[in-house]
């Protein structure tokens, strides 16, 4: 299984939040899974913590180190992803989520998220 995790899933995973179900934890830890973490999620965490909209127990440096040490694959933002955002319908207005949608579409990835609006873009949700 190949999938991109949404930012809230990344936070729940790193914080040990019980909102992340055992089933989803199993998918993430399955050695057969290719789990992608977007640099967009780092950007979202940095912005939201700096403006006080998000409070987490770990620093961004700790998050970067933890993800780097995991078997997750870092998904960089490429020009093709940026071009894809320009053609997306406005089901979602959040710029971070729009880029995650564009990345998932361009890379043919499913998305692990609680945000059902992602499905409006034809993405398979986990």
PDB file of N, CA and C in Angstrom:
ATOM      1  N   UNK A   1       0.854  -1.174   0.000  1.00  0.00           N
ATOM      2  CA  UNK A   1       0.000   0.000   0.000  1.00  0.00           C
ATOM      3  C   UNK A   1       0.901   1.239   0.000  1.00  0.00           C
ATOM      4  N   UNK A   2       0.581   2.201  -0.857  1.00  0.00           N
ATOM      5  CA  UNK A   2       1.315   3.463  -0.964  1.00  0.00           C
ATOM      6  C   UNK A   2       0.367   4.597  -0.600  1.00  0.00           C
ATOM      7  N   UNK A   3       0.740   5.389   0.400  1.00  0.00           N
ATOM      8  CA  UNK A   3      -0.160   6.468   0.781  1.00  0.00           C
ATOM      9  C   UNK A   3       0.596   7.640   1.400  1.00  0.00           C
ATOM     10  N   UNK A   4      -0.038   8.790   1.256  1.00  0.00           N
ATOM     11  CA  UNK A   4       0.421  10.041   1.834  1.00  0.00           C
ATOM     12  C   UNK A   4      -0.367  10.265   3.116  1.00  0.00           C
ATOM     13  N   UNK A   5       0.318  10.650   4.180  1.00  0.00           N
ATOM     14  CA  UNK A   5      -0.413  10.943   5.409  1.00  0.00           C
ATOM     15  C   UNK A   5      -0.649  12.448   5.515  1.00  0.00           C
ATOM     16  N   UNK A   6      -1.871  12.797   5.868  1.00  0.00           N
ATOM     17  CA  UNK A   6      -2.247  14.194   6.072  1.00  0.00           C
ATOM     18  C   UNK A   6      -1.543  14.694   7.338  1.00  0.00           C
ATOM     19  N   UNK A   7      -1.420  15.989   7.456  1.00  0.00           N
ATOM     20  CA  UNK A   7      -0.679  16.594   8.562  1.00  0.00           C
ATOM     21  C   UNK A   7      -1.229  16.182   9.923  1.00  0.00           C
ATOM     22  N   UNK A   8      -2.552  16.136  10.070  1.00  0.00           N
ATOM     23  CA  UNK A   8      -3.090  15.769  11.390  1.00  0.00           C
ATOM     24  C   UNK A   8      -2.753  14.325  11.728  1.00  0.00           C
ATOM     25  N   UNK A   9      -2.668  13.462  10.737  1.00  0.00           N
ATOM     26  CA  UNK A   9      -2.271  12.068  10.983  1.00  0.00           C
ATOM     27  C   UNK A   9      -0.821  12.013  11.445  1.00  0.00           C
ATOM     28  N   UNK A  10       0.044  12.796  10.805  1.00  0.00           N
ATOM     29  CA  UNK A  10       1.449  12.867  11.212  1.00  0.00           C
ATOM     30  C   UNK A  10       1.554  13.318  12.662  1.00  0.00           C
ATOM     31  N   UNK A  11       0.810  14.355  13.013  1.00  0.00           N
ATOM     32  CA  UNK A  11       0.848  14.863  14.386  1.00  0.00           C
ATOM     33  C   UNK A  11       0.337  13.802  15.361  1.00  0.00           C
ATOM     34  N   UNK A  12      -0.784  13.177  15.037  1.00  0.00           N
ATOM     35  CA  UNK A  12      -1.326  12.137  15.922  1.00  0.00           C
ATOM     36  C   UNK A  12      -0.318  11.001  16.095  1.00  0.00           C
ATOM     37  N   UNK A  13       0.350  10.626  15.019  1.00  0.00           N
ATOM     38  CA  UNK A  13       1.327   9.542  15.071  1.00  0.00           C
ATOM     39  C   UNK A  13       2.488   9.925  15.998  1.00  0.00           C
ATOM     40  N   UNK A  14       3.033  11.118  15.813  1.00  0.00           N
ATOM     41  CA  UNK A  14       4.195  11.551  16.591  1.00  0.00           C
ATOM     42  C   UNK A  14       3.855  11.841  18.048  1.00  0.00           C
ATOM     43  N   UNK A  15       2.615  12.250  18.295  1.00  0.00           N
ATOM     44  CA  UNK A  15       2.192  12.600  19.652  1.00  0.00           C
ATOM     45  C   UNK A  15       1.608  11.397  20.398  1.00  0.00           C
ATOM     46  N   UNK A  16       1.472  10.255  19.704  1.00  0.00           N
ATOM     47  CA  UNK A  16       0.847   9.095  20.343  1.00  0.00           C
ATOM     48  C   UNK A  16      -0.612   9.325  20.659  1.00  0.00           C
ATOM     49  N   UNK A  17      -1.274  10.125  19.849  1.00  0.00           N
ATOM     50  CA  UNK A  17      -2.665  10.506  20.077  1.00  0.00           C
ATOM     51  C   UNK A  17      -3.596   9.325  19.817  1.00  0.00           C
ATOM     52  N   UNK A  18      -4.503   9.043  20.762  1.00  0.00           N
ATOM     53  CA  UNK A  18      -5.433   7.922  20.585  1.00  0.00           C
ATOM     54  C   UNK A  18      -6.428   8.118  19.435  1.00  0.00           C
ATOM     55  N   UNK A  19      -6.502   9.326  18.870  1.00  0.00           N
ATOM     56  CA  UNK A  19      -7.372   9.532  17.715  1.00  0.00           C
ATOM     57  C   UNK A  19      -6.878   8.753  16.491  1.00  0.00           C
ATOM     58  N   UNK A  20      -5.597   8.379  16.493  1.00  0.00           N
ATOM     59  CA  UNK A  20      -5.054   7.555  15.418  1.00  0.00           C
ATOM     60  C   UNK A  20      -5.374   6.100  15.758  1.00  0.00           C
ATOM     61  N   UNK A  21      -6.265   5.516  14.983  1.00  0.00           N
ATOM     62  CA  UNK A  21      -6.749   4.167  15.281  1.00  0.00           C
ATOM     63  C   UNK A  21      -5.643   3.123  15.158  1.00  0.00           C
ATOM     64  N   UNK A  22      -5.873   2.003  15.829  1.00  0.00           N
ATOM     65  CA  UNK A  22      -4.931   0.884  15.731  1.00  0.00           C
ATOM     66  C   UNK A  22      -4.805   0.399  14.289  1.00  0.00           C
ATOM     67  N   UNK A  23      -5.915   0.417  13.547  1.00  0.00           N
ATOM     68  CA  UNK A  23      -5.881  -0.005  12.147  1.00  0.00           C
ATOM     69  C   UNK A  23      -4.931   0.892  11.348  1.00  0.00           C
ATOM     70  N   UNK A  24      -5.070   2.194  11.522  1.00  0.00           N
ATOM     71  CA  UNK A  24      -4.194   3.119  10.799  1.00  0.00           C
ATOM     72  C   UNK A  24      -2.748   2.996  11.267  1.00  0.00           C
ATOM     73  N   UNK A  25      -2.542   2.833  12.557  1.00  0.00           N
ATOM     74  CA  UNK A  25      -1.174   2.622  13.067  1.00  0.00           C
ATOM     75  C   UNK A  25      -0.561   1.383  12.415  1.00  0.00           C
ATOM     76  N   UNK A  26      -1.392   0.362  12.249  1.00  0.00           N
ATOM     77  CA  UNK A  26      -0.922  -0.866  11.605  1.00  0.00           C
ATOM     78  C   UNK A  26      -0.510  -0.644  10.163  1.00  0.00           C
ATOM     79  N   UNK A  27      -1.306   0.132   9.427  1.00  0.00           N
ATOM     80  CA  UNK A  27      -0.947   0.456   8.038  1.00  0.00           C
ATOM     81  C   UNK A  27       0.375   1.225   7.989  1.00  0.00           C
ATOM     82  N   UNK A  28       0.543   2.163   8.910  1.00  0.00           N
ATOM     83  CA  UNK A  28       1.761   2.983   8.936  1.00  0.00           C
ATOM     84  C   UNK A  28       2.982   2.133   9.272  1.00  0.00           C
ATOM     85  N   UNK A  29       2.837   1.233  10.215  1.00  0.00           N
ATOM     86  CA  UNK A  29       3.990   0.428  10.652  1.00  0.00           C
ATOM     87  C   UNK A  29       4.223  -0.824   9.809  1.00  0.00           C
ATOM     88  N   UNK A  30       3.298  -1.150   8.907  1.00  0.00           N
ATOM     89  CA  UNK A  30       3.448  -2.329   8.057  1.00  0.00           C
ATOM     90  C   UNK A  30       4.676  -2.174   7.164  1.00  0.00           C
ATOM     91  N   UNK A  31       5.626  -3.122   7.234  1.00  0.00           N
ATOM     92  CA  UNK A  31       6.824  -3.024   6.396  1.00  0.00           C
ATOM     93  C   UNK A  31       6.510  -3.026   4.894  1.00  0.00           C
ATOM     94  N   UNK A  32       5.349  -3.503   4.514  1.00  0.00           N
ATOM     95  CA  UNK A  32       4.954  -3.523   3.114  1.00  0.00           C
ATOM     96  C   UNK A  32       4.353  -2.205   2.638  1.00  0.00           C
ATOM     97  N   UNK A  33       4.124  -1.286   3.558  1.00  0.00           N
ATOM     98  CA  UNK A  33       3.556   0.015   3.195  1.00  0.00           C
ATOM     99  C   UNK A  33       4.653   0.993   2.800  1.00  0.00           C
ATOM    100  N   UNK A  34       4.343   1.838   1.821  1.00  0.00           N
ATOM    101  CA  UNK A  34       5.185   2.982   1.494  1.00  0.00           C
ATOM    102  C   UNK A  34       4.436   4.201   2.015  1.00  0.00           C
ATOM    103  N   UNK A  35       4.933   4.755   3.110  1.00  0.00           N
ATOM    104  CA  UNK A  35       4.283   5.867   3.788  1.00  0.00           C
ATOM    105  C   UNK A  35       5.011   7.155   3.405  1.00  0.00           C
ATOM    106  N   UNK A  36       4.290   8.063   2.760  1.00  0.00           N
ATOM    107  CA  UNK A  36       4.862   9.328   2.327  1.00  0.00           C
ATOM    108  C   UNK A  36       4.460  10.433   3.295  1.00  0.00           C
ATOM    109  N   UNK A  37       5.435  11.261   3.652  1.00  0.00           N
ATOM    110  CA  UNK A  37       5.210  12.455   4.458  1.00  0.00           C
ATOM    111  C   UNK A  37       5.649  13.627   3.595  1.00  0.00           C
ATOM    112  N   UNK A  38       4.753  14.565   3.387  1.00  0.00           N
ATOM    113  CA  UNK A  38       5.055  15.705   2.531  1.00  0.00           C
ATOM    114  C   UNK A  38       5.765  16.808   3.306  1.00  0.00           C
ATOM    115  N   UNK A  39       6.718  17.440   2.650  1.00  0.00           N
ATOM    116  CA  UNK A  39       7.362  18.609   3.217  1.00  0.00           C
ATOM    117  C   UNK A  39       6.323  19.705   3.487  1.00  0.00           C
ATOM    118  N   UNK A  40       5.194  19.643   2.805  1.00  0.00           N
ATOM    119  CA  UNK A  40       4.092  20.579   3.033  1.00  0.00           C
ATOM    120  C   UNK A  40       3.578  20.448   4.474  1.00  0.00           C
ATOM    121  N   UNK A  41       3.580  19.234   5.011  1.00  0.00           N
ATOM    122  CA  UNK A  41       3.144  19.052   6.401  1.00  0.00           C
ATOM    123  C   UNK A  41       4.096  19.748   7.366  1.00  0.00           C
ATOM    124  N   UNK A  42       5.398  19.706   7.077  1.00  0.00           N
ATOM    125  CA  UNK A  42       6.365  20.428   7.919  1.00  0.00           C
ATOM    126  C   UNK A  42       6.089  21.925   7.871  1.00  0.00           C
ATOM    127  N   UNK A  43       5.813  22.400   6.670  1.00  0.00           N
ATOM    128  CA  UNK A  43       5.526  23.821   6.469  1.00  0.00           C
ATOM    129  C   UNK A  43       4.261  24.201   7.252  1.00  0.00           C
ATOM    130  N   UNK A  44       3.223  23.372   7.152  1.00  0.00           N
ATOM    131  CA  UNK A  44       1.964  23.642   7.862  1.00  0.00           C
ATOM    132  C   UNK A  44       2.184  23.671   9.372  1.00  0.00           C
ATOM    133  N   UNK A  45       2.937  22.716   9.893  1.00  0.00           N
ATOM    134  CA  UNK A  45       3.214  22.677  11.333  1.00  0.00           C
ATOM    135  C   UNK A  45       4.002  23.916  11.749  1.00  0.00           C
ATOM    136  N   UNK A  46       5.000  24.296  10.961  1.00  0.00           N
ATOM    137  CA  UNK A  46       5.816  25.473  11.278  1.00  0.00           C
ATOM    138  C   UNK A  46       4.971  26.737  11.320  1.00  0.00           C
ATOM    139  N   UNK A  47       4.134  26.921  10.320  1.00  0.00           N
ATOM    140  CA  UNK A  47       3.285  28.125  10.260  1.00  0.00           C
ATOM    141  C   UNK A  47       2.296  28.144  11.422  1.00  0.00           C
ATOM    142  N   UNK A  48       1.589  27.033  11.607  1.00  0.00           N
ATOM    143  CA  UNK A  48       0.518  27.020  12.614  1.00  0.00           C
ATOM    144  C   UNK A  48       1.046  27.085  14.044  1.00  0.00           C
ATOM    145  N   UNK A  49       2.220  26.495  14.315  1.00  0.00           N
ATOM    146  CA  UNK A  49       2.774  26.633  15.667  1.00  0.00           C
ATOM    147  C   UNK A  49       3.279  28.050  15.892  1.00  0.00           C
ATOM    148  N   UNK A  50       3.859  28.668  14.862  1.00  0.00           N
ATOM    149  CA  UNK A  50       4.415  30.017  15.032  1.00  0.00           C
ATOM    150  C   UNK A  50       3.338  31.075  15.249  1.00  0.00           C
ATOM    151  N   UNK A  51       2.131  30.841  14.742  1.00  0.00           N
ATOM    152  CA  UNK A  51       1.049  31.821  14.947  1.00  0.00           C
ATOM    153  C   UNK A  51       0.122  31.430  16.098  1.00  0.00           C
ATOM    154  N   UNK A  52       0.459  30.336  16.781  1.00  0.00           N
ATOM    155  CA  UNK A  52      -0.326  29.921  17.940  1.00  0.00           C
ATOM    156  C   UNK A  52      -1.597  29.166  17.622  1.00  0.00           C
ATOM    157  N   UNK A  53      -1.728  28.713  16.390  1.00  0.00           N
ATOM    158  CA  UNK A  53      -2.927  27.977  15.986  1.00  0.00           C
ATOM    159  C   UNK A  53      -2.802  26.476  16.270  1.00  0.00           C
ATOM    160  N   UNK A  54      -1.572  26.030  16.582  1.00  0.00           N
ATOM    161  CA  UNK A  54      -1.308  24.613  16.845  1.00  0.00           C
ATOM    162  C   UNK A  54      -0.314  24.517  17.986  1.00  0.00           C
ATOM    163  N   UNK A  55      -0.606  23.629  18.923  1.00  0.00           N
ATOM    164  CA  UNK A  55       0.311  23.379  20.030  1.00  0.00           C
ATOM    165  C   UNK A  55       0.644  21.893  20.045  1.00  0.00           C
ATOM    166  N   UNK A  56       1.933  21.594  19.947  1.00  0.00           N
ATOM    167  CA  UNK A  56       2.381  20.198  19.990  1.00  0.00           C
ATOM    168  C   UNK A  56       3.552  20.090  20.956  1.00  0.00           C
ATOM    169  N   UNK A  57       3.790  18.877  21.436  1.00  0.00           N
ATOM    170  CA  UNK A  57       4.814  18.681  22.458  1.00  0.00           C
ATOM    171  C   UNK A  57       6.225  18.642  21.887  1.00  0.00           C
ATOM    172  N   UNK A  58       6.359  18.422  20.593  1.00  0.00           N
ATOM    173  CA  UNK A  58       7.685  18.287  19.981  1.00  0.00           C
ATOM    174  C   UNK A  58       8.036  19.522  19.171  1.00  0.00           C
ATOM    175  N   UNK A  59       9.321  19.793  19.115  1.00  0.00           N
ATOM    176  CA  UNK A  59       9.777  20.886  18.265  1.00  0.00           C
ATOM    177  C   UNK A  59       9.778  20.410  16.812  1.00  0.00           C
ATOM    178  N   UNK A  60       9.817  21.345  15.900  1.00  0.00           N
ATOM    179  CA  UNK A  60       9.880  20.988  14.488  1.00  0.00           C
ATOM    180  C   UNK A  60      11.155  20.207  14.194  1.00  0.00           C
ATOM    181  N   UNK A  61      12.260  20.566  14.847  1.00  0.00           N
ATOM    182  CA  UNK A  61      13.502  19.803  14.669  1.00  0.00           C
ATOM    183  C   UNK A  61      13.322  18.353  15.087  1.00  0.00           C
ATOM    184  N   UNK A  62      12.643  18.130  16.218  1.00  0.00           N
ATOM    185  CA  UNK A  62      12.396  16.763  16.686  1.00  0.00           C
ATOM    186  C   UNK A  62      11.525  16.001  15.691  1.00  0.00           C
ATOM    187  N   UNK A  63      10.522  16.688  15.146  1.00  0.00           N
ATOM    188  CA  UNK A  63       9.641  16.056  14.166  1.00  0.00           C
ATOM    189  C   UNK A  63      10.427  15.658  12.926  1.00  0.00           C
ATOM    190  N   UNK A  64      11.251  16.572  12.428  1.00  0.00           N
ATOM    191  CA  UNK A  64      12.078  16.275  11.255  1.00  0.00           C
ATOM    192  C   UNK A  64      12.986  15.080  11.517  1.00  0.00           C
ATOM    193  N   UNK A  65      13.622  15.060  12.681  1.00  0.00           N
ATOM    194  CA  UNK A  65      14.519  13.954  13.026  1.00  0.00           C
ATOM    195  C   UNK A  65      13.773  12.633  13.142  1.00  0.00           C
ATOM    196  N   UNK A  66      12.606  12.670  13.790  1.00  0.00           N
ATOM    197  CA  UNK A  66      11.825  11.444  13.983  1.00  0.00           C
ATOM    198  C   UNK A  66      11.349  10.856  12.655  1.00  0.00           C
ATOM    199  N   UNK A  67      10.859  11.717  11.789  1.00  0.00           N
ATOM    200  CA  UNK A  67      10.389  11.236  10.487  1.00  0.00           C
ATOM    201  C   UNK A  67      11.569  10.735   9.661  1.00  0.00           C
ATOM    202  N   UNK A  68      12.695  11.443   9.715  1.00  0.00           N
ATOM    203  CA  UNK A  68      13.883  11.016   8.960  1.00  0.00           C
ATOM    204  C   UNK A  68      14.371   9.651   9.431  1.00  0.00           C
ATOM    205  N   UNK A  69      14.234   9.377  10.718  1.00  0.00           N
ATOM    206  CA  UNK A  69      14.685   8.096  11.276  1.00  0.00           C
ATOM    207  C   UNK A  69      13.700   6.963  11.009  1.00  0.00           C
ATOM    208  N   UNK A  70      12.497   7.299  10.580  1.00  0.00           N
ATOM    209  CA  UNK A  70      11.482   6.279  10.308  1.00  0.00           C
ATOM    210  C   UNK A  70      11.657   5.743   8.893  1.00  0.00           C
ATOM    211  N   UNK A  71      10.800   4.831   8.537  1.00  0.00           N
ATOM    212  CA  UNK A  71      10.849   4.285   7.171  1.00  0.00           C
ATOM    213  C   UNK A  71       9.995   5.104   6.203  1.00  0.00           C
ATOM    214  N   UNK A  72       9.474   6.238   6.667  1.00  0.00           N
ATOM    215  CA  UNK A  72       8.665   7.096   5.808  1.00  0.00           C
ATOM    216  C   UNK A  72       9.514   7.688   4.684  1.00  0.00           C
ATOM    217  N   UNK A  73       8.834   8.035   3.608  1.00  0.00           N
ATOM    218  CA  UNK A  73       9.482   8.637   2.443  1.00  0.00           C
ATOM    219  C   UNK A  73       9.092  10.106   2.399  1.00  0.00           C
ATOM    220  N   UNK A  74      10.088  10.972   2.378  1.00  0.00           N
ATOM    221  CA  UNK A  74       9.820  12.406   2.325  1.00  0.00           C
ATOM    222  C   UNK A  74       9.432  12.786   0.909  1.00  0.00           C
ATOM    223  N   UNK A  75       8.268  13.416   0.773  1.00  0.00           N
ATOM    224  CA  UNK A  75       7.771  13.867  -0.525  1.00  0.00           C
ATOM    225  C   UNK A  75       8.008  15.364  -0.636  1.00  0.00           C
ATOM    226  N   UNK A  76       8.926  15.724  -1.524  1.00  0.00           N
ATOM    227  CA  UNK A  76       9.238  17.135  -1.754  1.00  0.00           C
ATOM    228  C   UNK A  76       8.198  17.754  -2.664  1.00  0.00           C
ATOM    229  N   UNK A  77       8.117  19.065  -2.629  1.00  0.00           N
ATOM    230  CA  UNK A  77       7.205  19.773  -3.524  1.00  0.00           C
ATOM    231  C   UNK A  77       7.935  20.029  -4.838  1.00  0.00           C
ATOM    232  N   UNK A  78       7.376  19.506  -5.901  1.00  0.00           N
ATOM    233  CA  UNK A  78       7.966  19.615  -7.237  1.00  0.00           C
ATOM    234  C   UNK A  78       7.146  20.591  -8.077  1.00  0.00           C
ATOM    235  N   UNK A  79       7.739  21.145  -9.137  1.00  0.00           N
ATOM    236  CA  UNK A  79       6.981  22.046 -10.008  1.00  0.00           C
ATOM    237  C   UNK A  79       5.683  21.434 -10.528  1.00  0.00           C
ATOM    238  N   UNK A  80       5.681  20.145 -10.834  1.00  0.00           N
ATOM    239  CA  UNK A  80       4.460  19.502 -11.336  1.00  0.00           C
ATOM    240  C   UNK A  80       3.343  19.556 -10.294  1.00  0.00           C
ATOM    241  N   UNK A  81       3.696  19.497  -9.021  1.00  0.00           N
ATOM    242  CA  UNK A  81       2.693  19.594  -7.955  1.00  0.00           C
ATOM    243  C   UNK A  81       2.100  21.003  -7.913  1.00  0.00           C
ATOM    244  N   UNK A  82       2.968  21.984  -8.061  1.00  0.00           N
ATOM    245  CA  UNK A  82       2.509  23.373  -8.052  1.00  0.00           C
ATOM    246  C   UNK A  82       1.576  23.643  -9.235  1.00  0.00           C
ATOM    247  N   UNK A  83       1.927  23.133 -10.399  1.00  0.00           N
ATOM    248  CA  UNK A  83       1.071  23.305 -11.576  1.00  0.00           C
ATOM    249  C   UNK A  83      -0.282  22.624 -11.369  1.00  0.00           C
ATOM    250  N   UNK A  84      -0.273  21.478 -10.709  1.00  0.00           N
ATOM    251  CA  UNK A  84      -1.525  20.744 -10.476  1.00  0.00           C
ATOM    252  C   UNK A  84      -2.466  21.513  -9.564  1.00  0.00           C
ATOM    253  N   UNK A  85      -1.931  22.238  -8.590  1.00  0.00           N
ATOM    254  CA  UNK A  85      -2.776  23.026  -7.688  1.00  0.00           C
ATOM    255  C   UNK A  85      -3.588  24.045  -8.474  1.00  0.00           C
ATOM    256  N   UNK A  86      -2.994  24.611  -9.505  1.00  0.00           N
ATOM    257  CA  UNK A  86      -3.667  25.646 -10.297  1.00  0.00           C
ATOM    258  C   UNK A  86      -4.904  25.131 -11.014  1.00  0.00           C
ATOM    259  N   UNK A  87      -4.982  23.822 -11.236  1.00  0.00           N
ATOM    260  CA  UNK A  87      -6.121  23.265 -11.969  1.00  0.00           C
ATOM    261  C   UNK A  87      -7.144  22.581 -11.068  1.00  0.00           C
ATOM    262  N   UNK A  88      -6.879  22.558  -9.760  1.00  0.00           N
ATOM    263  CA  UNK A  88      -7.815  21.894  -8.841  1.00  0.00           C
ATOM    264  C   UNK A  88      -9.091  22.706  -8.671  1.00  0.00           C
ATOM    265  N   UNK A  89     -10.236  22.037  -8.648  1.00  0.00           N
ATOM    266  CA  UNK A  89     -11.459  22.748  -8.269  1.00  0.00           C
ATOM    267  C   UNK A  89     -11.365  23.138  -6.788  1.00  0.00           C
ATOM    268  N   UNK A  90     -12.157  24.105  -6.396  1.00  0.00           N
ATOM    269  CA  UNK A  90     -12.066  24.620  -5.033  1.00  0.00           C
ATOM    270  C   UNK A  90     -12.997  23.890  -4.062  1.00  0.00           C
ATOM    271  N   UNK A  91     -12.890  22.550  -4.043  1.00  0.00           N
ATOM    272  CA  UNK A  91     -13.591  21.790  -3.004  1.00  0.00           C
ATOM    273  C   UNK A  91     -12.993  22.149  -1.647  1.00  0.00           C
ATOM    274  N   UNK A  92     -11.691  22.399  -1.651  1.00  0.00           N
ATOM    275  CA  UNK A  92     -10.966  22.725  -0.432  1.00  0.00           C
ATOM    276  C   UNK A  92     -10.304  24.074  -0.631  1.00  0.00           C
ATOM    277  N   UNK A  93     -10.373  24.923   0.370  1.00  0.00           N
ATOM    278  CA  UNK A  93      -9.751  26.244   0.273  1.00  0.00           C
ATOM    279  C   UNK A  93      -8.406  26.299   1.002  1.00  0.00           C
ATOM    280  N   UNK A  94      -8.146  25.346   1.882  1.00  0.00           N
ATOM    281  CA  UNK A  94      -6.909  25.345   2.653  1.00  0.00           C
ATOM    282  C   UNK A  94      -5.716  25.102   1.726  1.00  0.00           C
ATOM    283  N   UNK A  95      -4.747  26.030   1.674  1.00  0.00           N
ATOM    284  CA  UNK A  95      -3.632  25.876   0.734  1.00  0.00           C
ATOM    285  C   UNK A  95      -2.758  24.651   1.017  1.00  0.00           C
ATOM    286  N   UNK A  96      -2.606  24.286   2.278  1.00  0.00           N
ATOM    287  CA  UNK A  96      -1.809  23.104   2.611  1.00  0.00           C
ATOM    288  C   UNK A  96      -2.497  21.848   2.076  1.00  0.00           C
ATOM    289  N   UNK A  97      -3.786  21.736   2.330  1.00  0.00           N
ATOM    290  CA  UNK A  97      -4.529  20.564   1.869  1.00  0.00           C
ATOM    291  C   UNK A  97      -4.595  20.508   0.349  1.00  0.00           C
ATOM    292  N   UNK A  98      -4.713  21.654  -0.296  1.00  0.00           N
ATOM    293  CA  UNK A  98      -4.742  21.673  -1.760  1.00  0.00           C
ATOM    294  C   UNK A  98      -3.430  21.129  -2.331  1.00  0.00           C
ATOM    295  N   UNK A  99      -2.304  21.489  -1.713  1.00  0.00           N
ATOM    296  CA  UNK A  99      -1.026  20.965  -2.194  1.00  0.00           C
ATOM    297  C   UNK A  99      -0.913  19.467  -1.909  1.00  0.00           C
ATOM    298  N   UNK A 100      -1.390  19.015  -0.759  1.00  0.00           N
ATOM    299  CA  UNK A 100      -1.368  17.583  -0.471  1.00  0.00           C
ATOM    300  C   UNK A 100      -2.214  16.814  -1.483  1.00  0.00           C
ATOM    301  N   UNK A 101      -3.361  17.366  -1.845  1.00  0.00           N
ATOM    302  CA  UNK A 101      -4.217  16.754  -2.862  1.00  0.00           C
ATOM    303  C   UNK A 101      -3.455  16.662  -4.182  1.00  0.00           C
ATOM    304  N   UNK A 102      -2.849  17.763  -4.595  1.00  0.00           N
ATOM    305  CA  UNK A 102      -2.109  17.793  -5.861  1.00  0.00           C
ATOM    306  C   UNK A 102      -0.969  16.784  -5.848  1.00  0.00           C
ATOM    307  N   UNK A 103      -0.267  16.689  -4.741  1.00  0.00           N
ATOM    308  CA  UNK A 103       0.829  15.726  -4.645  1.00  0.00           C
ATOM    309  C   UNK A 103       0.307  14.293  -4.729  1.00  0.00           C
ATOM    310  N   UNK A 104      -0.756  14.012  -4.000  1.00  0.00           N
ATOM    311  CA  UNK A 104      -1.316  12.654  -4.017  1.00  0.00           C
ATOM    312  C   UNK A 104      -1.774  12.284  -5.419  1.00  0.00           C
ATOM    313  N   UNK A 105      -2.417  13.206  -6.094  1.00  0.00           N
ATOM    314  CA  UNK A 105      -2.868  12.924  -7.462  1.00  0.00           C
ATOM    315  C   UNK A 105      -1.679  12.694  -8.390  1.00  0.00           C
ATOM    316  N   UNK A 106      -0.699  13.577  -8.344  1.00  0.00           N
ATOM    317  CA  UNK A 106       0.450  13.490  -9.252  1.00  0.00           C
ATOM    318  C   UNK A 106       1.281  12.238  -9.017  1.00  0.00           C
ATOM    319  N   UNK A 107       1.343  11.796  -7.764  1.00  0.00           N
ATOM    320  CA  UNK A 107       2.170  10.640  -7.410  1.00  0.00           C
ATOM    321  C   UNK A 107       1.363   9.346  -7.299  1.00  0.00           C
ATOM    322  N   UNK A 108       0.067   9.419  -7.621  1.00  0.00           N
ATOM    323  CA  UNK A 108      -0.821   8.249  -7.568  1.00  0.00           C
ATOM    324  C   UNK A 108      -0.812   7.590  -6.184  1.00  0.00           C
ATOM    325  N   UNK A 109      -1.033   8.433  -5.173  1.00  0.00           N
ATOM    326  CA  UNK A 109      -1.037   7.964  -3.792  1.00  0.00           C
ATOM    327  C   UNK A 109      -2.437   8.041  -3.201  1.00  0.00           C
ATOM    328  N   UNK A 110      -2.774   7.071  -2.350  1.00  0.00           N
ATOM    329  CA  UNK A 110      -3.956   7.168  -1.516  1.00  0.00           C
ATOM    330  C   UNK A 110      -3.611   8.173  -0.405  1.00  0.00           C
ATOM    331  N   UNK A 111      -4.608   8.597   0.358  1.00  0.00           N
ATOM    332  CA  UNK A 111      -4.362   9.562   1.434  1.00  0.00           C
ATOM    333  C   UNK A 111      -4.976   9.052   2.726  1.00  0.00           C
ATOM    334  N   UNK A 112      -4.167   9.074   3.780  1.00  0.00           N
ATOM    335  CA  UNK A 112      -4.678   8.762   5.110  1.00  0.00           C
ATOM    336  C   UNK A 112      -5.064  10.084   5.762  1.00  0.00           C
ATOM    337  N   UNK A 113      -6.361  10.283   5.929  1.00  0.00           N
ATOM    338  CA  UNK A 113      -6.881  11.530   6.473  1.00  0.00           C
ATOM    339  C   UNK A 113      -8.259  11.314   7.052  1.00  0.00           C
ATOM    340  N   UNK A 114      -8.664  12.211   7.932  1.00  0.00           N
ATOM    341  CA  UNK A 114     -10.046  12.252   8.409  1.00  0.00           C
ATOM    342  C   UNK A 114     -10.853  13.263   7.620  1.00  0.00           C
ATOM    343  N   UNK A 115     -10.203  13.980   6.730  1.00  0.00           N
ATOM    344  CA  UNK A 115     -10.836  15.038   5.946  1.00  0.00           C
ATOM    345  C   UNK A 115     -11.501  14.433   4.710  1.00  0.00           C
ATOM    346  N   UNK A 116     -12.800  14.280   4.767  1.00  0.00           N
ATOM    347  CA  UNK A 116     -13.550  13.635   3.685  1.00  0.00           C
ATOM    348  C   UNK A 116     -13.565  14.442   2.390  1.00  0.00           C
ATOM    349  N   UNK A 117     -13.220  15.724   2.454  1.00  0.00           N
ATOM    350  CA  UNK A 117     -13.199  16.556   1.250  1.00  0.00           C
ATOM    351  C   UNK A 117     -12.150  16.054   0.255  1.00  0.00           C
ATOM    352  N   UNK A 118     -11.115  15.395   0.736  1.00  0.00           N
ATOM    353  CA  UNK A 118     -10.097  14.834  -0.162  1.00  0.00           C
ATOM    354  C   UNK A 118     -10.730  13.877  -1.168  1.00  0.00           C
ATOM    355  N   UNK A 119     -11.769  13.186  -0.751  1.00  0.00           N
ATOM    356  CA  UNK A 119     -12.449  12.237  -1.647  1.00  0.00           C
ATOM    357  C   UNK A 119     -13.119  12.956  -2.811  1.00  0.00           C
ATOM    358  N   UNK A 120     -13.502  14.216  -2.632  1.00  0.00           N
ATOM    359  CA  UNK A 120     -14.111  14.993  -3.699  1.00  0.00           C
ATOM    360  C   UNK A 120     -13.155  15.196  -4.875  1.00  0.00           C
ATOM    361  N   UNK A 121     -11.889  14.962  -4.643  1.00  0.00           N
ATOM    362  CA  UNK A 121     -10.885  15.067  -5.705  1.00  0.00           C
ATOM    363  C   UNK A 121     -10.592  13.718  -6.356  1.00  0.00           C
ATOM    364  N   UNK A 122     -11.386  12.718  -6.009  1.00  0.00           N
ATOM    365  CA  UNK A 122     -11.192  11.398  -6.600  1.00  0.00           C
ATOM    366  C   UNK A 122     -10.097  10.581  -5.946  1.00  0.00           C
ATOM    367  N   UNK A 123      -9.656  10.991  -4.771  1.00  0.00           N
ATOM    368  CA  UNK A 123      -8.612  10.264  -4.059  1.00  0.00           C
ATOM    369  C   UNK A 123      -9.219   9.170  -3.192  1.00  0.00           C
ATOM    370  N   UNK A 124      -8.505   8.071  -3.096  1.00  0.00           N
ATOM    371  CA  UNK A 124      -8.924   7.000  -2.187  1.00  0.00           C
ATOM    372  C   UNK A 124      -8.412   7.354  -0.790  1.00  0.00           C
ATOM    373  N   UNK A 125      -9.315   7.318   0.173  1.00  0.00           N
ATOM    374  CA  UNK A 125      -8.971   7.650   1.553  1.00  0.00           C
ATOM    375  C   UNK A 125      -8.778   6.396   2.387  1.00  0.00           C
ATOM    376  N   UNK A 126      -7.836   6.480   3.291  1.00  0.00           N
ATOM    377  CA  UNK A 126      -7.573   5.376   4.223  1.00  0.00           C
ATOM    378  C   UNK A 126      -7.970   5.851   5.606  1.00  0.00           C
TER     379      UNK A 126
END
